[in-house]
Protein backbone atom coordinates (compact mmCIF):
# COMPACT_ATOMS: atom_id res chain seq x y z
CA MET A 1 -3.89 -43.56 -16.96
CA ALA A 2 -4.65 -39.91 -17.00
CA ARG A 3 -1.71 -37.46 -16.69
CA ILE A 4 -1.78 -34.78 -13.98
CA ARG A 5 -1.38 -31.44 -15.32
CA PHE A 6 -0.28 -28.28 -13.46
CA ARG A 7 -1.79 -25.12 -15.19
CA GLY A 8 -1.42 -26.83 -18.51
CA CYS A 9 2.01 -28.26 -17.86
CA PRO A 10 2.46 -32.10 -17.44
CA ILE A 11 3.66 -32.99 -14.07
CA THR A 12 7.01 -34.21 -15.59
CA GLN A 13 7.65 -30.41 -16.50
CA PHE A 14 6.83 -29.14 -13.01
CA ALA A 15 10.22 -29.20 -11.65
CA SER A 16 11.56 -26.87 -14.52
CA ILE A 17 9.25 -24.05 -13.26
CA LEU A 18 10.23 -24.30 -9.65
CA PRO A 19 13.09 -22.01 -8.18
CA GLN A 20 16.41 -23.80 -8.84
CA GLN A 21 18.87 -24.31 -6.02
CA GLY A 22 20.93 -21.28 -5.41
CA ALA A 23 18.43 -18.96 -7.17
CA ASN A 24 16.94 -16.00 -5.30
CA PRO A 25 13.96 -17.06 -3.36
CA PRO A 26 10.68 -14.95 -3.86
CA ARG A 27 10.35 -11.94 -1.63
CA ALA A 28 7.49 -10.34 0.08
CA LYS A 29 6.45 -6.87 -0.94
CA GLY A 30 3.67 -4.66 0.44
CA VAL A 31 2.36 -1.01 0.05
CA VAL A 32 -0.45 0.67 1.94
CA ASN A 33 -1.20 4.44 1.53
CA LEU A 34 -4.15 6.02 3.15
CA SER A 35 -5.69 9.32 4.18
CA THR A 36 -8.57 10.61 6.25
CA LYS A 37 -10.93 13.48 5.74
CA LYS A 38 -13.65 15.20 7.83
CA LEU A 39 -17.26 14.22 7.23
CA GLY A 40 -19.41 16.29 9.53
CA GLU A 41 -18.13 15.52 12.97
CA ASN A 42 -16.51 12.35 12.01
CA SER A 43 -13.07 11.26 10.88
CA VAL A 44 -13.61 9.00 7.63
CA LEU A 45 -11.45 7.31 5.08
CA ASP A 46 -10.51 9.59 2.20
CA THR A 47 -8.00 7.63 0.02
CA LEU A 48 -6.68 3.94 0.25
CA LEU A 49 -4.29 2.12 -1.99
CA GLN A 50 -2.97 -1.28 -0.85
CA SER A 51 -1.01 -3.98 -2.84
CA GLY A 52 1.03 -7.16 -2.31
CA SER A 53 1.32 -8.52 1.09
CA SER A 54 0.03 -5.47 2.88
CA LYS A 55 -3.52 -5.06 3.71
CA CYS A 56 -5.62 -2.66 5.82
CA LEU A 57 -8.73 -3.39 7.67
CA PHE A 58 -11.19 -0.91 9.24
CA PRO A 59 -13.19 -1.82 12.39
CA ARG A 60 -16.54 -0.24 12.97
CA ALA A 61 -16.15 3.69 13.44
CA SER A 62 -16.01 5.05 16.87
CA ALA A 63 -16.38 8.41 18.54
CA GLN A 64 -12.50 8.42 18.74
CA GLY A 65 -12.16 8.70 15.12
CA LEU A 66 -11.03 6.31 12.35
CA ASP A 67 -9.41 3.17 13.32
CA ALA A 68 -7.28 1.26 10.75
CA VAL A 69 -5.58 -2.25 11.40
CA LEU A 70 -2.52 -3.10 9.35
CA LEU A 71 -2.08 -6.67 8.26
CA ASN A 72 1.03 -8.49 6.83
CA THR A 73 -0.35 -11.53 4.95
CA ALA A 74 3.30 -12.95 4.45
CA GLY A 75 3.20 -13.61 8.17
CA GLY A 76 6.36 -11.80 8.89
CA VAL A 77 9.38 -10.37 7.28
CA THR A 78 12.92 -11.75 6.31
CA GLY A 79 15.86 -10.51 4.23
CA GLY A 80 15.03 -8.89 0.94
CA ASP A 81 11.40 -8.21 1.92
CA SER A 82 10.08 -4.73 1.44
CA PHE A 83 7.07 -3.06 3.11
CA ARG A 84 6.13 0.59 2.74
CA PHE A 85 3.22 2.54 4.68
CA THR A 86 2.18 5.93 4.34
CA ALA A 87 -0.86 7.67 6.16
CA ASN A 88 -2.11 11.29 6.51
CA ALA A 89 -4.41 12.44 9.23
CA ALA A 90 -6.02 15.53 7.51
CA GLU A 91 -6.92 18.69 9.35
CA GLY A 92 -9.23 18.17 12.39
CA THR A 93 -9.27 14.47 12.09
CA THR A 94 -8.33 11.60 14.31
CA LEU A 95 -6.62 8.39 12.99
CA THR A 96 -5.47 5.48 15.12
CA LEU A 97 -3.38 2.88 13.38
CA THR A 98 -2.43 -0.52 14.91
CA THR A 99 -1.56 -3.99 13.61
CA GLN A 100 -3.66 -7.15 13.65
CA ALA A 101 -0.70 -9.18 15.41
CA CYS A 102 2.99 -8.88 16.42
CA GLU A 103 5.41 -8.42 13.65
CA ARG A 104 7.97 -10.98 13.30
CA ALA A 105 11.46 -10.60 11.99
CA TYR A 106 12.57 -14.13 10.91
CA LYS A 107 16.11 -15.58 10.27
CA ALA A 108 17.44 -14.02 7.24
CA GLN A 109 20.17 -15.36 4.77
CA PRO A 110 23.50 -13.27 4.52
CA GLY A 111 22.72 -10.24 2.34
CA PRO A 112 19.94 -7.96 2.28
CA TYR A 113 17.79 -6.72 5.15
CA ALA A 114 14.13 -6.81 5.59
CA GLN A 115 13.07 -3.19 4.83
CA ILE A 116 10.11 -1.62 6.62
CA SER A 117 9.45 2.09 5.91
CA ASN A 118 6.66 4.08 7.66
CA HIS A 119 5.78 7.83 6.74
CA LEU A 120 3.15 9.47 8.65
CA THR A 121 1.86 13.13 8.45
CA VAL A 122 -0.40 14.80 11.04
CA SER A 123 -2.07 18.14 9.75
CA SER A 124 -3.25 21.03 11.67
CA GLY A 125 -5.53 20.19 14.61
CA ALA A 126 -5.51 16.50 13.76
CA ARG A 127 -4.45 13.73 16.08
CA LEU A 128 -2.57 10.54 15.11
CA ASN A 129 -2.09 7.42 17.37
CA TRP A 130 0.68 5.19 16.16
CA LEU A 131 0.16 1.99 18.24
CA PRO A 132 1.60 -1.12 16.59
CA GLN A 133 1.98 -4.40 18.51
CA GLU A 134 5.29 -5.98 19.35
CA THR A 135 7.96 -6.48 16.85
CA ILE A 136 9.59 -9.88 17.62
CA LEU A 137 13.24 -10.39 16.58
CA PHE A 138 14.29 -14.07 15.85
CA ASN A 139 17.77 -15.21 16.12
CA GLY A 140 19.48 -14.59 12.67
CA SER A 141 17.12 -11.71 11.67
CA ALA A 142 18.19 -8.80 9.59
CA LEU A 143 15.83 -5.79 9.92
CA ASP A 144 16.04 -2.02 8.67
CA ARG A 145 13.08 -0.33 10.04
CA ARG A 146 12.31 3.52 9.54
CA LEU A 147 9.54 5.58 10.94
CA GLN A 148 9.25 9.29 9.95
CA ILE A 149 6.34 11.40 11.29
CA GLU A 150 5.83 15.05 10.11
CA MET A 151 3.50 17.12 12.37
CA ASP A 152 1.95 20.57 11.93
CA PRO A 153 2.68 22.77 14.99
CA ASP A 154 -0.72 22.32 16.52
CA ALA A 155 -1.07 18.63 15.73
CA THR A 156 -1.17 15.87 18.36
CA MET A 157 0.63 12.52 18.11
CA LEU A 158 0.95 9.33 20.36
CA LEU A 159 3.39 6.59 19.29
CA VAL A 160 4.71 3.34 20.85
CA GLU A 161 7.28 1.06 19.39
CA PRO A 162 7.56 -2.19 21.43
CA LEU A 163 10.47 -4.52 20.59
CA VAL A 164 10.90 -8.10 21.79
CA PHE A 165 14.30 -9.70 21.82
CA GLY A 166 13.54 -13.39 21.04
CA ARG A 167 10.81 -15.75 22.22
CA ALA A 168 11.35 -16.38 25.79
CA ALA A 169 8.93 -19.10 26.14
CA MET A 170 11.09 -21.05 23.48
CA GLY A 171 14.21 -20.41 25.26
CA GLU A 172 15.44 -18.41 22.16
CA THR A 173 18.62 -15.96 22.53
CA LEU A 174 19.60 -13.71 20.00
CA THR A 175 23.32 -14.47 19.41
CA ASP A 176 23.52 -13.27 15.77
CA ILE A 177 21.13 -10.40 14.51
CA ARG A 178 21.42 -7.20 12.33
CA LEU A 179 19.19 -4.37 13.34
CA ARG A 180 18.98 -0.96 12.03
CA ASP A 181 16.04 1.13 13.55
CA ARG A 182 15.32 4.94 13.10
CA ILE A 183 12.57 6.98 14.59
CA GLU A 184 12.19 10.67 13.40
CA ILE A 185 9.72 13.23 14.28
CA LEU A 186 9.59 16.64 12.55
CA ARG A 187 7.31 19.51 13.62
CA ASP A 188 6.72 22.29 11.16
CA GLY A 189 9.50 21.00 9.16
CA ALA A 190 12.06 21.15 11.87
CA PRO A 191 13.53 18.15 13.73
CA ALA A 192 11.83 17.55 17.10
CA PHE A 193 12.93 14.09 18.00
CA LEU A 194 15.30 11.48 16.73
CA ASP A 195 16.01 7.96 18.05
CA ALA A 196 18.44 5.72 16.14
CA MET A 197 19.86 2.29 16.89
CA ARG A 198 22.27 0.01 15.10
CA PHE A 199 23.44 -3.41 16.08
CA SER A 200 25.13 -6.38 14.57
CA GLY A 201 26.20 -9.57 16.39
CA ASP A 202 25.37 -11.08 19.71
CA LEU A 203 22.57 -9.10 21.14
CA GLN A 204 21.91 -11.34 24.18
CA ALA A 205 25.37 -10.62 25.66
CA HIS A 206 25.06 -7.03 24.96
CA LEU A 207 21.64 -6.83 26.76
CA CYS A 208 23.00 -8.91 29.75
CA ARG A 209 25.39 -6.00 30.68
CA PRO A 210 24.03 -4.28 33.80
CA HIS A 211 24.32 -0.67 32.55
CA ILE A 212 22.61 -1.69 29.10
CA ALA A 213 19.40 -3.77 29.98
CA ASN A 214 20.36 -6.07 32.63
CA GLY A 215 19.05 -9.04 30.96
CA ALA A 216 15.78 -7.49 29.75
CA GLY A 217 13.84 -9.55 26.98
CA ALA A 218 11.80 -6.57 25.68
CA MET A 219 11.78 -2.79 25.52
CA ALA A 220 9.40 -0.06 24.27
CA LEU A 221 9.62 3.83 23.34
CA VAL A 222 6.65 5.96 23.81
CA VAL A 223 6.34 9.57 22.64
CA PHE A 224 3.41 12.01 23.24
CA ALA A 225 3.52 15.24 21.39
CA SER A 226 0.63 17.29 22.62
CA ALA A 227 -0.06 20.62 24.23
CA THR A 228 -1.09 18.69 27.40
CA ALA A 229 2.11 16.61 27.53
CA GLU A 230 3.58 18.54 30.53
CA GLY A 231 0.46 18.01 32.64
CA GLN A 232 0.80 14.11 31.95
CA LEU A 233 4.27 13.80 33.24
CA ASP A 234 3.57 13.10 37.02
CA PRO A 235 0.62 10.97 36.59
CA VAL A 236 2.46 8.72 33.97
CA ARG A 237 5.45 8.52 36.21
CA HIS A 238 3.24 6.84 39.01
CA LEU A 239 2.07 4.32 36.56
CA LEU A 240 5.65 3.19 35.47
CA PRO A 241 7.54 0.07 36.76
CA ASP A 242 10.98 0.65 38.36
CA THR A 243 12.51 -0.42 34.80
CA ALA A 244 11.04 2.57 33.01
CA GLY A 245 11.39 6.39 33.04
CA ALA A 246 9.66 9.42 31.67
CA SER A 247 10.99 12.88 30.77
CA LEU A 248 9.86 16.03 29.11
CA ILE A 249 12.35 16.87 26.33
CA GLN A 250 10.18 19.88 25.42
CA ASN A 251 7.09 21.35 27.09
CA ASP A 252 4.85 19.72 24.69
CA MET A 253 6.73 16.33 24.09
CA LEU A 254 6.81 13.27 26.73
CA VAL A 255 9.18 10.53 26.15
CA ILE A 256 9.10 7.29 28.08
CA ARG A 257 11.45 4.42 27.83
CA MET A 258 10.69 0.85 29.26
CA LEU A 259 12.32 -2.21 29.85
CA ALA A 260 10.75 -5.61 30.87
CA LYS A 261 11.79 -9.21 31.31
CA THR A 262 9.24 -10.58 28.91
CA SER A 263 6.91 -9.37 26.31
CA PHE A 264 4.04 -10.05 28.52
CA ALA A 265 5.42 -7.92 31.34
CA LEU A 266 6.04 -5.21 28.83
CA ARG A 267 2.49 -4.99 27.47
CA ARG A 268 1.01 -5.25 31.02
CA ALA A 269 3.15 -2.01 31.92
CA LEU A 270 2.52 -0.44 28.77
CA MET A 271 -1.32 -0.64 28.58
CA PRO A 272 -2.28 1.64 31.47
CA VAL A 273 0.19 4.21 30.24
CA LEU A 274 -1.28 4.16 26.68
CA ARG A 275 -4.81 4.39 28.02
CA ARG A 276 -3.83 7.46 30.15
CA LEU A 277 -2.47 9.13 26.98
CA ASN A 278 -5.25 8.03 24.70
CA ASN A 279 -8.30 9.21 26.48
CA ASP A 280 -8.88 5.77 28.24
CA THR A 281 -9.02 3.61 25.08
CA LEU A 282 -6.86 1.11 23.22
CA PRO A 283 -7.44 -0.74 20.05
CA ARG A 284 -9.16 -3.98 20.53
CA CYS A 285 -6.03 -5.79 19.19
CA TRP A 286 -4.10 -4.67 22.12
CA MET A 287 -6.38 -6.53 24.67
CA LEU A 288 -4.41 -9.01 26.80
């Protein structure tokens, strides 16, 4: 009888190369760095580095600039995973960044958080659209996520960060999670916007409080930094549901906060707002 071999090892030795009980499980890591440049009237890819579980796809070029779609081949994040993304929209270019699917923060073992670090720069006269799809928190998840955007004074930026608190269709409630989330915008090197959140424990009970989220299952932050922001305030307010609000924190920075019962309701409310602020276009990944 022939003996089965695994990469040159007899099958009897296979168990010895598997992770032993109590050993640290393998962790997913991914890095993407990219930048744009101007080629004639078009915004095109200048540099790209990608490694590990992070990949970047580029749909066909459009009149709106360069579109890039981020992909996590690990299928989600859990404790100990590490993902880093950096992008630079060079002078006079337009870069739209989105994700192929919702990011999922899975249950983690006690100990390290999943780390997601995003650093974006927007040069003079450039526009950057940061439009990831929803991040879904699973019960038991541990996520440390940071987004920093550095803008030149005359740059334009649109960002959305949608967050979903468990899978409503599965009846999931978040009774034990760890979350650290920080969004920072710098303009000309000076702080222009900071939003930071930290939570540990029973998030479901916290969200059910009437003056916190009144039972909402999803939320989103939208920031539009542009010389045209002030003129968008009233039109955007007419698009918002009763569970959302918009404010000008500076003449050129519009901030929107939104709550919704479900992720579907959140996306349905977000899409007309994002279209309004992005020249009536959205990445194909966002289509309902």
